[in-house]
Amino acid sequence: MEAEKVTLIITEPTSTPSSKSRLAPEWDKFATDIEYKNRIIFLTGSHDTLTRVVEQAAQYRAIQSILTEFDAERLPDNDPQRQRALVSQDKIILSLRSSIQETFTTLSYPSIDGFRSTDCRIQFQDNQFDGETLIRDTLEKLQKFTNDISSDTFRKKCEARLFGGQQTALWSEIKRRAATLTTWQFHRMDALDSLRNTAISQDIWRDEGGYINKGPFPPPKTEIKIQRISRNDHTGEATLKITPVHEDTIYYEIGDTEPTPSSMRVEAFNGFKTKELRVRYLCVDSKGKHQQGIAEGWQNTINLKYGVYQQGDDWMVELKACPKGEIFYTTNGSDPKTLGAPYEGPFPVPKDCQFVLAIARKDGIVSPQEKIDLIQHKEKIVKLDPDKPAKWKRPHHNLTTRAAFEFMERLKKYNGIAYGITIDVQANDEKQDISYSAADNFSLNGEQFEKLVKQLQGIMPGSQIFLSVERMDFEKGQFLLDWVADAKTQLSPGEVIQ
């Protein structure tokens, strides 16, 4: 017997059946001794009509043997002997079905006080018989089978009968009890696993290393979720979405100072703006239901902005750290992190200098290295290696529906990867909208992008979309060049990194 399946055994009717199970003594003992008592049922019946079943079965085998011989002799279908044999076969099948219906009329199933029997009449309709449906319907009327496997009632029955009176039980033991306890109802094979997955996903149960804890659980501690919605690279100001979990009040401190209920209070959860490099947040439940959790920190990034301009015979470079930081640079190709000169203001570059390398840092945060190609600025021409990967820093903001789908088509066509994604879906009547924003390091290719947009539009048919992307990566510089040609635009010095 299998713990996951209910097995039907068809047994020969006996002249000395058990008064309760109607099984022969040896089968009655078998049913009593097996471990998975709740995973077996029997179909049996009247011994008085069994002889007729045996006789009709013998006749059926005989007519089948005759037809097989006709086939071997290649007797034609219109031969009188074959036709008479076919008529006899039909009569024998009808008689055999009738005898089976009269004989196998008893279903024996596990119950609270051992195996119990009930009437179960086989019915043929249009020469078809669905035995599984007949047995399921019979057991459902007796409340031994249930289709109600998604309600709260099913979960509560499971907790009451299969957890063994404990708050926590091994999941394999729960399933074993379902197979052994005869008071437990039959159900679909995947019912218990489906219940487990649903209860865990709704935090009604918890999986603790194979053990299922059915609670009740103490109120969870307060938490906070922080997501960067956008960042202005010109100012370093970030817009954050701060989500309180199990609380309704958030306090914050700038830097590494631990926040307390006496700290500054966050007023805008969905649009908190800051130029600070570090901020720490604390969530507090003003109603006192949830225990206070730990503070969560958020860290900004530093990026460099630069300008290249001519002053007399000199080419000057101006640098700015956003939002702030100490800048170090080199003009000879050496690493600015270790050999860089501190930036004090716009400086002239040597005549033979081809590029400037620069970084900014503050409070342990270091910006990505910026490579300033002076030849591009002097000649006003952007040169790309078509075989090397390319990063395009040009943002694409507020693309409306048509432009947005053209953008996604190019993203697919030229194998681009988009970062810093924001999607707004707005109903035509402007009464509802959906906003989607991804973390800065989360990316989508063209097909993923288009699928996501269509899913969002599907929630709100007849809507308009507004799309923004901060930057893109290309596997090869040639793909970016092809994009630029297709879009009838041109690259600007400094906006591509290879």
Protein backbone atom coordinates (compact mmCIF):
# COMPACT_ATOMS: atom_id res chain seq x y z
CA MET A 1 0.00 0.00 0.00
CA GLU A 2 1.18 3.56 -0.74
CA ALA A 3 0.75 6.43 1.71
CA GLU A 4 -0.23 8.83 -1.07
CA LYS A 5 -2.85 6.69 -2.86
CA VAL A 6 -6.03 4.81 -2.02
CA THR A 7 -5.93 1.29 -3.46
CA LEU A 8 -9.08 -0.61 -4.50
CA ILE A 9 -8.96 -4.40 -4.09
CA ILE A 10 -11.68 -6.49 -5.73
CA THR A 11 -12.11 -9.65 -3.64
CA GLU A 12 -13.98 -12.87 -4.27
CA PRO A 13 -17.26 -12.93 -2.32
CA THR A 14 -17.29 -15.49 0.48
CA SER A 15 -19.96 -17.62 2.04
CA THR A 16 -18.71 -16.67 5.53
CA PRO A 17 -18.21 -12.88 5.45
CA SER A 18 -17.49 -10.64 8.41
CA SER A 19 -20.72 -9.19 9.74
CA LYS A 20 -19.42 -5.62 9.54
CA SER A 21 -16.92 -5.46 6.67
CA ARG A 22 -18.56 -8.25 4.59
CA LEU A 23 -15.04 -9.46 3.76
CA ALA A 24 -13.70 -12.98 3.86
CA PRO A 25 -11.87 -13.73 7.15
CA GLU A 26 -8.40 -13.62 5.55
CA TRP A 27 -9.10 -10.22 3.93
CA ASP A 28 -10.64 -8.90 7.12
CA LYS A 29 -7.46 -9.83 8.98
CA PHE A 30 -5.30 -8.30 6.22
CA ALA A 31 -7.21 -5.01 6.47
CA THR A 32 -6.81 -5.00 10.26
CA ASP A 33 -3.06 -5.73 10.22
CA ILE A 34 -1.75 -3.34 7.54
CA GLU A 35 -0.20 -0.03 8.58
CA TYR A 36 -1.91 2.20 6.01
CA LYS A 37 -5.43 1.20 6.95
CA ASN A 38 -6.82 4.43 5.55
CA ARG A 39 -5.40 3.80 2.10
CA ILE A 40 -7.38 0.71 1.07
CA ILE A 41 -10.96 -0.13 0.10
CA PHE A 42 -12.55 -3.38 -1.07
CA LEU A 43 -15.23 -4.23 -3.60
CA THR A 44 -16.94 -7.54 -2.86
CA GLY A 45 -20.49 -8.89 -2.80
CA SER A 46 -22.78 -11.91 -2.81
CA HIS A 47 -21.37 -15.40 -2.91
CA ASP A 48 -24.74 -16.75 -4.08
CA THR A 49 -24.44 -15.23 -7.58
CA LEU A 50 -20.67 -15.69 -7.95
CA THR A 51 -21.15 -19.00 -9.82
CA ARG A 52 -23.02 -17.18 -12.58
CA VAL A 53 -20.15 -14.68 -12.94
CA VAL A 54 -17.66 -17.53 -13.27
CA GLU A 55 -19.83 -19.28 -15.86
CA GLN A 56 -20.32 -16.14 -17.94
CA ALA A 57 -16.60 -15.32 -17.73
CA ALA A 58 -15.80 -18.80 -19.02
CA GLN A 59 -18.21 -18.32 -21.92
CA TYR A 60 -16.63 -14.96 -22.67
CA ARG A 61 -13.13 -16.52 -22.82
CA ALA A 62 -14.46 -19.26 -25.07
CA ILE A 63 -16.08 -16.89 -27.58
CA GLN A 64 -12.91 -14.76 -27.60
CA SER A 65 -10.89 -17.88 -28.40
CA ILE A 66 -13.24 -18.73 -31.29
CA LEU A 67 -12.97 -15.19 -32.73
CA THR A 68 -9.18 -15.37 -32.44
CA GLU A 69 -9.20 -18.58 -34.49
CA PHE A 70 -11.41 -16.88 -37.11
CA ASP A 71 -8.87 -14.05 -37.30
CA ALA A 72 -6.04 -16.54 -37.76
CA GLU A 73 -7.98 -18.23 -40.56
CA ARG A 74 -8.75 -14.78 -42.04
CA LEU A 75 -12.44 -15.51 -42.06
CA PRO A 76 -14.20 -12.52 -43.70
CA ASP A 77 -16.46 -10.26 -41.64
CA ASN A 78 -19.56 -11.27 -43.58
CA ASP A 79 -19.02 -14.97 -43.00
CA PRO A 80 -22.10 -16.47 -41.29
CA GLN A 81 -19.98 -18.24 -38.65
CA ARG A 82 -18.23 -14.99 -37.66
CA GLN A 83 -21.52 -13.09 -37.58
CA ARG A 84 -23.14 -15.73 -35.34
CA ALA A 85 -20.09 -15.64 -33.08
CA LEU A 86 -20.30 -11.84 -32.83
CA VAL A 87 -23.98 -12.02 -31.91
CA SER A 88 -23.16 -14.62 -29.26
CA GLN A 89 -20.36 -12.37 -27.94
CA ASP A 90 -22.74 -9.45 -27.48
CA LYS A 91 -25.21 -11.63 -25.58
CA ILE A 92 -22.45 -13.07 -23.38
CA ILE A 93 -21.09 -9.56 -22.58
CA LEU A 94 -24.56 -8.37 -21.57
CA SER A 95 -25.07 -11.46 -19.41
CA LEU A 96 -21.61 -11.07 -17.86
CA ARG A 97 -22.27 -7.42 -17.02
CA SER A 98 -25.59 -8.33 -15.50
CA SER A 99 -24.05 -11.02 -13.33
CA ILE A 100 -21.24 -8.67 -12.22
CA GLN A 101 -23.83 -6.02 -11.30
CA GLU A 102 -25.75 -8.57 -9.25
CA THR A 103 -22.68 -9.96 -7.52
CA PHE A 104 -20.24 -7.09 -6.74
CA THR A 105 -22.54 -4.82 -4.76
CA THR A 106 -20.64 -4.19 -1.53
CA LEU A 107 -17.99 -1.56 -0.85
CA SER A 108 -15.92 -2.00 2.32
CA TYR A 109 -14.14 1.09 3.60
CA PRO A 110 -12.17 2.14 6.72
CA SER A 111 -14.15 3.86 9.47
CA ILE A 112 -13.79 4.84 13.11
CA ASP A 113 -14.57 1.31 14.37
CA GLY A 114 -12.87 -0.78 11.69
CA PHE A 115 -13.94 -1.60 8.16
CA ARG A 116 -17.59 -0.99 7.39
CA SER A 117 -19.64 -2.02 4.35
CA THR A 118 -22.12 -0.13 2.22
CA ASP A 119 -24.18 -0.84 -0.88
CA CYS A 120 -22.48 0.11 -4.16
CA ARG A 121 -24.36 -0.78 -7.34
CA ILE A 122 -22.45 -0.87 -10.62
CA GLN A 123 -24.28 0.87 -13.46
CA PHE A 124 -23.40 0.69 -17.15
CA GLN A 125 -24.45 3.67 -19.27
CA ASP A 126 -23.94 3.61 -23.04
CA ASN A 127 -21.71 0.57 -22.54
CA GLN A 128 -19.46 2.68 -20.30
CA PHE A 129 -18.71 2.36 -16.61
CA ASP A 130 -16.74 4.88 -14.51
CA GLY A 131 -15.87 2.91 -11.41
CA GLU A 132 -13.79 5.65 -9.79
CA THR A 133 -16.64 8.17 -9.98
CA LEU A 134 -19.13 5.62 -8.61
CA ILE A 135 -16.93 4.82 -5.62
CA ARG A 136 -16.06 8.48 -4.98
CA ASP A 137 -19.73 9.50 -5.05
CA THR A 138 -20.67 6.61 -2.76
CA LEU A 139 -17.98 7.56 -0.21
CA GLU A 140 -18.83 11.27 -0.46
CA LYS A 141 -22.44 10.51 0.60
CA LEU A 142 -20.99 8.68 3.62
CA GLN A 143 -18.68 11.69 4.35
CA LYS A 144 -15.64 9.46 3.85
CA PHE A 145 -14.53 11.41 0.77
CA THR A 146 -14.38 15.21 0.52
CA ASN A 147 -13.85 17.69 -2.28
CA ASP A 148 -13.61 20.54 0.21
CA ILE A 149 -9.83 20.81 0.37
CA SER A 150 -9.31 24.57 0.10
CA SER A 151 -11.52 25.91 2.88
CA ASP A 152 -10.52 26.91 6.39
CA THR A 153 -12.56 23.96 7.64
CA PHE A 154 -10.24 21.46 5.93
CA ARG A 155 -7.19 23.11 7.51
CA LYS A 156 -8.76 23.06 10.98
CA LYS A 157 -9.68 19.38 10.60
CA CYS A 158 -6.09 18.65 9.62
CA GLU A 159 -4.76 20.50 12.67
CA ALA A 160 -7.20 18.74 15.00
CA ARG A 161 -6.71 15.19 13.71
CA LEU A 162 -3.27 14.93 12.11
CA PHE A 163 -1.00 17.00 14.37
CA GLY A 164 -1.30 14.48 17.22
CA GLY A 165 -2.36 17.13 19.71
CA GLN A 166 0.92 19.04 19.20
CA GLN A 167 1.55 22.55 17.93
CA THR A 168 4.46 21.30 15.81
CA ALA A 169 4.59 18.05 13.86
CA LEU A 170 6.91 16.48 11.31
CA TRP A 171 5.28 16.84 7.88
CA SER A 172 6.03 13.22 6.94
CA GLU A 173 4.32 12.14 10.17
CA ILE A 174 1.24 14.24 9.34
CA LYS A 175 0.97 12.46 5.99
CA ARG A 176 1.55 9.09 7.66
CA ARG A 177 -1.32 9.76 10.07
CA ALA A 178 -3.58 10.64 7.15
CA ALA A 179 -2.79 7.20 5.74
CA THR A 180 -3.28 5.31 9.02
CA LEU A 181 -6.09 7.07 10.90
CA THR A 182 -9.38 5.64 9.67
CA THR A 183 -11.26 8.71 10.93
CA TRP A 184 -9.51 10.85 8.29
CA GLN A 185 -11.42 11.46 5.06
CA PHE A 186 -10.23 10.51 1.60
CA HIS A 187 -9.38 13.42 -0.71
CA ARG A 188 -7.43 14.33 -3.81
CA MET A 189 -3.84 13.02 -3.82
CA ASP A 190 -2.25 16.49 -3.69
CA ALA A 191 -4.68 17.94 -1.14
CA LEU A 192 -2.34 17.88 1.86
CA ASP A 193 0.64 19.30 -0.04
CA SER A 194 -1.59 22.01 -1.51
CA LEU A 195 -2.89 22.84 1.98
CA ARG A 196 0.67 23.02 3.32
CA ASN A 197 1.84 25.37 0.55
CA THR A 198 -1.18 27.66 0.93
CA ALA A 199 -0.99 27.80 4.73
CA ILE A 200 2.75 28.58 4.67
CA SER A 201 2.35 31.26 1.99
CA GLN A 202 -0.33 32.95 4.14
CA ASP A 203 1.82 32.61 7.30
CA ILE A 204 -0.86 30.45 8.95
CA TRP A 205 1.70 27.63 9.23
CA ARG A 206 5.47 27.79 9.26
CA ASP A 207 7.96 25.23 8.00
CA GLU A 208 10.71 24.82 10.57
CA GLY A 209 13.14 22.38 8.94
CA GLY A 210 10.54 19.81 7.92
CA TYR A 211 8.40 20.38 11.01
CA ILE A 212 5.14 22.27 10.51
CA ASN A 213 4.25 24.76 13.22
CA LYS A 214 0.54 25.55 13.15
CA GLY A 215 0.76 28.44 15.59
CA PRO A 216 -0.65 30.58 16.95
CA PHE A 217 2.44 32.72 16.59
CA PRO A 218 3.39 35.76 18.65
CA PRO A 219 2.95 39.07 16.80
CA PRO A 220 6.02 39.59 14.57
CA LYS A 221 8.50 42.33 15.28
CA THR A 222 8.32 45.56 13.34
CA GLU A 223 10.21 45.66 10.06
CA ILE A 224 10.96 48.13 7.32
CA LYS A 225 11.42 47.67 3.57
CA ILE A 226 13.48 50.27 1.73
CA GLN A 227 13.50 50.59 -2.05
CA ARG A 228 15.18 53.26 -4.14
CA ILE A 229 12.65 54.48 -6.69
CA SER A 230 14.94 56.90 -8.49
CA ARG A 231 18.10 58.95 -8.15
CA ASN A 232 19.06 62.27 -9.71
CA ASP A 233 22.65 61.81 -10.91
CA HIS A 234 23.07 65.58 -11.24
CA THR A 235 22.37 66.21 -7.54
CA GLY A 236 22.77 62.80 -5.91
CA GLU A 237 19.28 63.08 -4.44
CA ALA A 238 17.53 59.72 -4.10
CA THR A 239 13.80 59.12 -3.87
CA LEU A 240 12.96 56.19 -1.62
CA LYS A 241 9.88 54.08 -1.03
CA ILE A 242 9.84 53.19 2.66
CA THR A 243 7.33 50.51 3.62
CA PRO A 244 6.50 49.94 7.30
CA VAL A 245 5.72 46.32 8.15
CA HIS A 246 3.64 45.61 11.28
CA GLU A 247 3.77 49.27 12.30
CA ASP A 248 2.65 52.72 11.22
CA THR A 249 5.39 55.13 12.28
CA ILE A 250 8.99 55.51 11.03
CA TYR A 251 11.76 57.62 12.57
CA TYR A 252 15.18 58.29 11.05
CA GLU A 253 18.64 59.66 11.72
CA ILE A 254 21.30 60.82 9.27
CA GLY A 255 24.60 58.94 9.26
CA ASP A 256 25.20 55.99 11.56
CA THR A 257 23.31 57.34 14.57
CA GLU A 258 20.69 54.93 15.89
CA PRO A 259 17.17 56.39 15.53
CA THR A 260 14.72 56.51 18.44
CA PRO A 261 11.11 57.68 18.85
CA SER A 262 12.64 61.10 19.55
CA SER A 263 14.27 61.24 16.11
CA MET A 264 12.93 62.90 12.98
CA ARG A 265 9.75 61.33 11.62
CA VAL A 266 9.22 60.12 8.04
CA GLU A 267 6.16 61.84 6.63
CA ALA A 268 6.15 60.56 3.02
CA PHE A 269 6.53 56.78 2.78
CA ASN A 270 6.34 56.67 -1.03
CA GLY A 271 8.51 59.67 -1.83
CA PHE A 272 11.16 60.19 0.83
CA LYS A 273 13.91 62.36 -0.71
CA THR A 274 17.44 62.57 0.62
CA LYS A 275 20.92 63.65 -0.51
CA GLU A 276 22.56 62.07 2.52
CA LEU A 277 25.05 59.23 2.10
CA ARG A 278 23.64 57.18 4.96
CA VAL A 279 20.29 57.16 6.74
CA ARG A 280 19.02 54.80 9.43
CA TYR A 281 15.32 54.09 9.96
CA LEU A 282 13.35 52.69 12.88
CA CYS A 283 9.78 51.39 12.74
CA VAL A 284 7.54 51.76 15.76
CA ASP A 285 4.04 50.39 16.31
CA SER A 286 2.18 53.23 17.96
CA LYS A 287 -0.55 50.82 19.12
CA GLY A 288 1.95 48.67 20.99
CA LYS A 289 0.81 45.38 19.46
CA HIS A 290 4.14 44.47 17.83
CA GLN A 291 7.54 44.37 19.51
CA GLN A 292 9.99 46.91 18.15
CA GLY A 293 12.44 45.48 15.61
CA ILE A 294 15.96 46.62 14.79
CA ALA A 295 16.80 49.76 12.86
CA GLU A 296 17.55 49.41 9.15
CA GLY A 297 20.21 51.37 7.31
CA TRP A 298 20.20 52.69 3.76
CA GLN A 299 23.26 53.79 1.81
CA ASN A 300 23.38 56.20 -1.09
CA THR A 301 25.86 56.02 -3.94
CA ILE A 302 28.34 58.61 -5.18
CA ASN A 303 28.70 59.41 -8.85
CA LEU A 304 30.90 61.86 -10.70
CA LYS A 305 29.73 64.52 -13.12
CA TYR A 306 32.23 66.34 -15.28
CA GLY A 307 32.61 69.02 -17.87
CA VAL A 308 35.30 69.51 -20.51
CA TYR A 309 35.80 72.95 -22.00
CA GLN A 310 38.47 75.03 -23.71
CA GLN A 311 40.04 78.02 -22.01
CA GLY A 312 42.48 79.78 -24.29
CA ASP A 313 44.94 77.14 -25.50
CA ASP A 314 44.13 74.82 -22.57
CA TRP A 315 41.52 72.12 -22.24
CA MET A 316 40.00 72.24 -18.78
CA VAL A 317 38.27 69.50 -16.78
CA GLU A 318 35.74 70.29 -14.06
CA LEU A 319 34.59 67.56 -11.65
CA LYS A 320 31.71 67.31 -9.21
CA ALA A 321 30.82 64.56 -6.72
CA CYS A 322 27.09 63.89 -6.35
CA PRO A 323 25.84 64.30 -3.71
CA LYS A 324 29.24 64.90 -2.09
CA GLY A 325 32.70 63.43 -1.66
CA GLU A 326 36.41 64.01 -1.99
CA ILE A 327 37.60 63.65 -5.60
CA PHE A 328 40.90 62.17 -6.77
CA TYR A 329 42.11 62.05 -10.36
CA THR A 330 45.01 61.11 -12.61
CA THR A 331 46.01 62.19 -16.13
CA ASN A 332 48.60 59.50 -16.88
CA GLY A 333 46.40 56.37 -16.72
CA SER A 334 47.35 55.38 -13.16
CA ASP A 335 44.79 54.30 -10.56
CA PRO A 336 43.16 57.35 -8.95
CA LYS A 337 42.23 55.33 -5.83
CA THR A 338 45.87 54.99 -4.81
CA LEU A 339 47.79 57.54 -6.89
CA GLY A 340 45.18 60.21 -7.55
CA ALA A 341 45.72 63.87 -6.87
CA PRO A 342 43.05 65.60 -4.75
CA TYR A 343 40.69 67.71 -6.82
CA GLU A 344 40.58 71.36 -5.78
CA GLY A 345 38.91 72.93 -8.81
CA PRO A 346 38.93 72.96 -12.64
CA PHE A 347 42.36 72.03 -13.92
CA PRO A 348 44.14 72.08 -17.31
CA VAL A 349 45.12 68.72 -18.71
CA PRO A 350 48.55 68.06 -20.22
CA LYS A 351 48.77 68.43 -23.99
CA ASP A 352 49.49 64.74 -24.50
CA CYS A 353 46.75 63.54 -22.10
CA GLN A 354 44.17 61.31 -23.81
CA PHE A 355 41.91 60.62 -20.84
CA VAL A 356 41.39 61.49 -17.19
CA LEU A 357 40.55 58.88 -14.57
CA ALA A 358 38.70 60.01 -11.44
CA ILE A 359 36.89 58.65 -8.37
CA ALA A 360 35.12 60.22 -5.40
CA ARG A 361 34.83 58.84 -1.88
CA LYS A 362 33.42 59.74 1.50
CA ASP A 363 32.63 57.84 4.69
CA GLY A 364 33.71 54.53 3.17
CA ILE A 365 31.58 54.93 0.03
CA VAL A 366 33.51 55.02 -3.25
CA SER A 367 32.11 56.04 -6.62
CA PRO A 368 32.62 54.03 -9.81
CA GLN A 369 35.70 55.15 -11.69
CA GLU A 370 34.94 57.76 -14.33
CA LYS A 371 36.97 57.68 -17.53
CA ILE A 372 36.90 60.97 -19.43
CA ASP A 373 37.93 60.55 -23.06
CA LEU A 374 39.38 63.94 -23.98
CA ILE A 375 39.74 63.10 -27.69
CA GLN A 376 35.97 62.67 -27.98
CA HIS A 377 35.40 66.08 -26.44
CA LYS A 378 38.08 67.80 -28.50
CA GLU A 379 36.96 66.28 -31.80
CA LYS A 380 33.22 66.14 -30.91
CA ILE A 381 33.16 62.54 -32.18
CA VAL A 382 32.23 59.44 -30.20
CA LYS A 383 34.25 56.40 -31.28
CA LEU A 384 33.20 52.92 -30.18
CA ASP A 385 34.89 49.56 -30.51
CA PRO A 386 32.13 47.51 -32.20
CA ASP A 387 33.28 44.26 -30.58
CA LYS A 388 33.52 45.42 -26.96
CA PRO A 389 30.59 45.64 -24.51
CA ALA A 390 29.13 49.12 -24.13
CA LYS A 391 27.24 50.91 -21.34
CA TRP A 392 24.95 53.72 -22.51
CA LYS A 393 24.31 56.19 -19.70
CA ARG A 394 21.69 58.20 -21.55
CA PRO A 395 18.37 58.12 -19.66
CA HIS A 396 15.11 57.61 -21.56
CA HIS A 397 12.36 59.29 -19.58
CA ASN A 398 8.56 59.49 -19.90
CA LEU A 399 8.20 57.49 -23.09
CA THR A 400 4.48 57.32 -23.90
CA THR A 401 2.70 54.27 -25.32
CA ARG A 402 3.90 54.34 -28.95
CA ALA A 403 7.43 55.48 -28.12
CA ALA A 404 7.55 52.95 -25.27
CA PHE A 405 6.76 50.01 -27.54
CA GLU A 406 9.26 51.26 -30.15
CA PHE A 407 11.85 51.37 -27.36
CA MET A 408 11.07 47.79 -26.32
CA GLU A 409 11.26 46.59 -29.92
CA ARG A 410 14.75 48.10 -30.25
CA LEU A 411 15.72 46.58 -26.92
CA LYS A 412 14.81 43.15 -28.33
CA LYS A 413 16.29 43.80 -31.77
CA TYR A 414 19.69 44.97 -30.50
CA ASN A 415 19.99 42.68 -27.43
CA GLY A 416 19.95 45.54 -24.94
CA ILE A 417 19.57 45.21 -21.16
CA ALA A 418 17.71 48.00 -19.35
CA TYR A 419 18.32 49.24 -15.78
CA GLY A 420 16.60 51.75 -13.52
CA ILE A 421 13.14 50.88 -14.83
CA THR A 422 9.94 52.74 -13.96
CA ILE A 423 6.57 51.90 -15.54
CA ASP A 424 3.36 53.85 -14.96
CA VAL A 425 0.04 52.55 -16.29
CA GLN A 426 -2.78 55.09 -16.26
CA ALA A 427 -6.45 54.50 -17.05
CA ASN A 428 -7.90 56.62 -19.82
CA ASP A 429 -10.41 58.12 -17.40
CA GLU A 430 -7.46 59.02 -15.09
CA LYS A 431 -9.30 57.54 -12.12
CA GLN A 432 -6.76 54.79 -11.42
CA ASP A 433 -3.15 53.98 -12.14
CA ILE A 434 -0.48 51.34 -11.47
CA SER A 435 3.16 52.16 -10.77
CA TYR A 436 6.08 49.74 -11.07
CA SER A 437 9.66 50.50 -10.13
CA ALA A 438 12.65 48.16 -10.01
CA ALA A 439 15.79 48.25 -7.91
CA ASP A 440 18.69 50.04 -9.57
CA ASN A 441 20.65 46.81 -10.10
CA PHE A 442 17.64 44.89 -11.50
CA SER A 443 17.61 44.46 -15.27
CA LEU A 444 15.25 43.33 -18.02
CA ASN A 445 15.88 42.34 -21.60
CA GLY A 446 13.47 43.32 -24.36
CA GLU A 447 11.22 40.26 -24.20
CA GLN A 448 10.97 40.39 -20.40
CA PHE A 449 10.27 44.12 -20.57
CA GLU A 450 7.46 43.74 -23.10
CA LYS A 451 5.90 40.82 -21.20
CA LEU A 452 5.85 42.84 -17.98
CA VAL A 453 4.28 45.89 -19.65
CA LYS A 454 1.55 43.77 -21.26
CA GLN A 455 0.80 42.10 -17.93
CA LEU A 456 0.38 45.50 -16.27
CA GLN A 457 -1.79 46.73 -19.12
CA GLY A 458 -3.86 43.55 -18.87
CA ILE A 459 -4.87 44.51 -15.35
CA MET A 460 -6.22 47.79 -16.67
CA PRO A 461 -7.46 47.40 -20.28
CA GLY A 462 -7.52 50.51 -22.46
CA SER A 463 -4.79 52.23 -20.45
CA GLN A 464 -1.80 54.37 -21.36
CA ILE A 465 1.78 53.61 -20.33
CA PHE A 466 4.66 55.89 -19.38
CA LEU A 467 8.10 54.36 -19.37
CA SER A 468 11.46 55.49 -17.98
CA VAL A 469 14.88 53.77 -18.14
CA GLU A 470 18.07 55.15 -16.61
CA ARG A 471 20.72 53.26 -18.60
CA MET A 472 21.36 50.27 -20.86
CA ASP A 473 24.04 47.66 -21.45
CA PHE A 474 24.91 46.14 -24.82
CA GLU A 475 26.85 42.95 -25.45
CA LYS A 476 28.71 44.67 -28.30
CA GLY A 477 29.30 48.28 -29.21
CA GLN A 478 27.96 47.53 -32.70
CA PHE A 479 24.50 46.85 -31.24
CA LEU A 480 24.49 50.35 -29.72
CA LEU A 481 25.66 51.89 -32.98
CA ASP A 482 22.84 50.08 -34.81
CA TRP A 483 20.31 51.32 -32.24
CA VAL A 484 21.50 54.91 -32.68
CA ALA A 485 21.23 54.65 -36.46
CA ASP A 486 17.77 53.08 -36.24
CA ALA A 487 16.55 55.79 -33.83
CA LYS A 488 18.08 58.55 -36.01
CA THR A 489 19.94 60.06 -33.06
CA GLN A 490 23.62 60.56 -32.20
CA LEU A 491 25.86 59.78 -29.27
CA SER A 492 27.24 62.54 -27.09
CA PRO A 493 30.76 62.57 -25.67
CA GLY A 494 30.94 60.97 -22.22
CA GLU A 495 27.64 59.07 -22.29
CA VAL A 496 29.10 55.70 -23.37
CA ILE A 497 31.52 53.56 -21.35
CA GLN A 498 33.50 50.69 -22.82
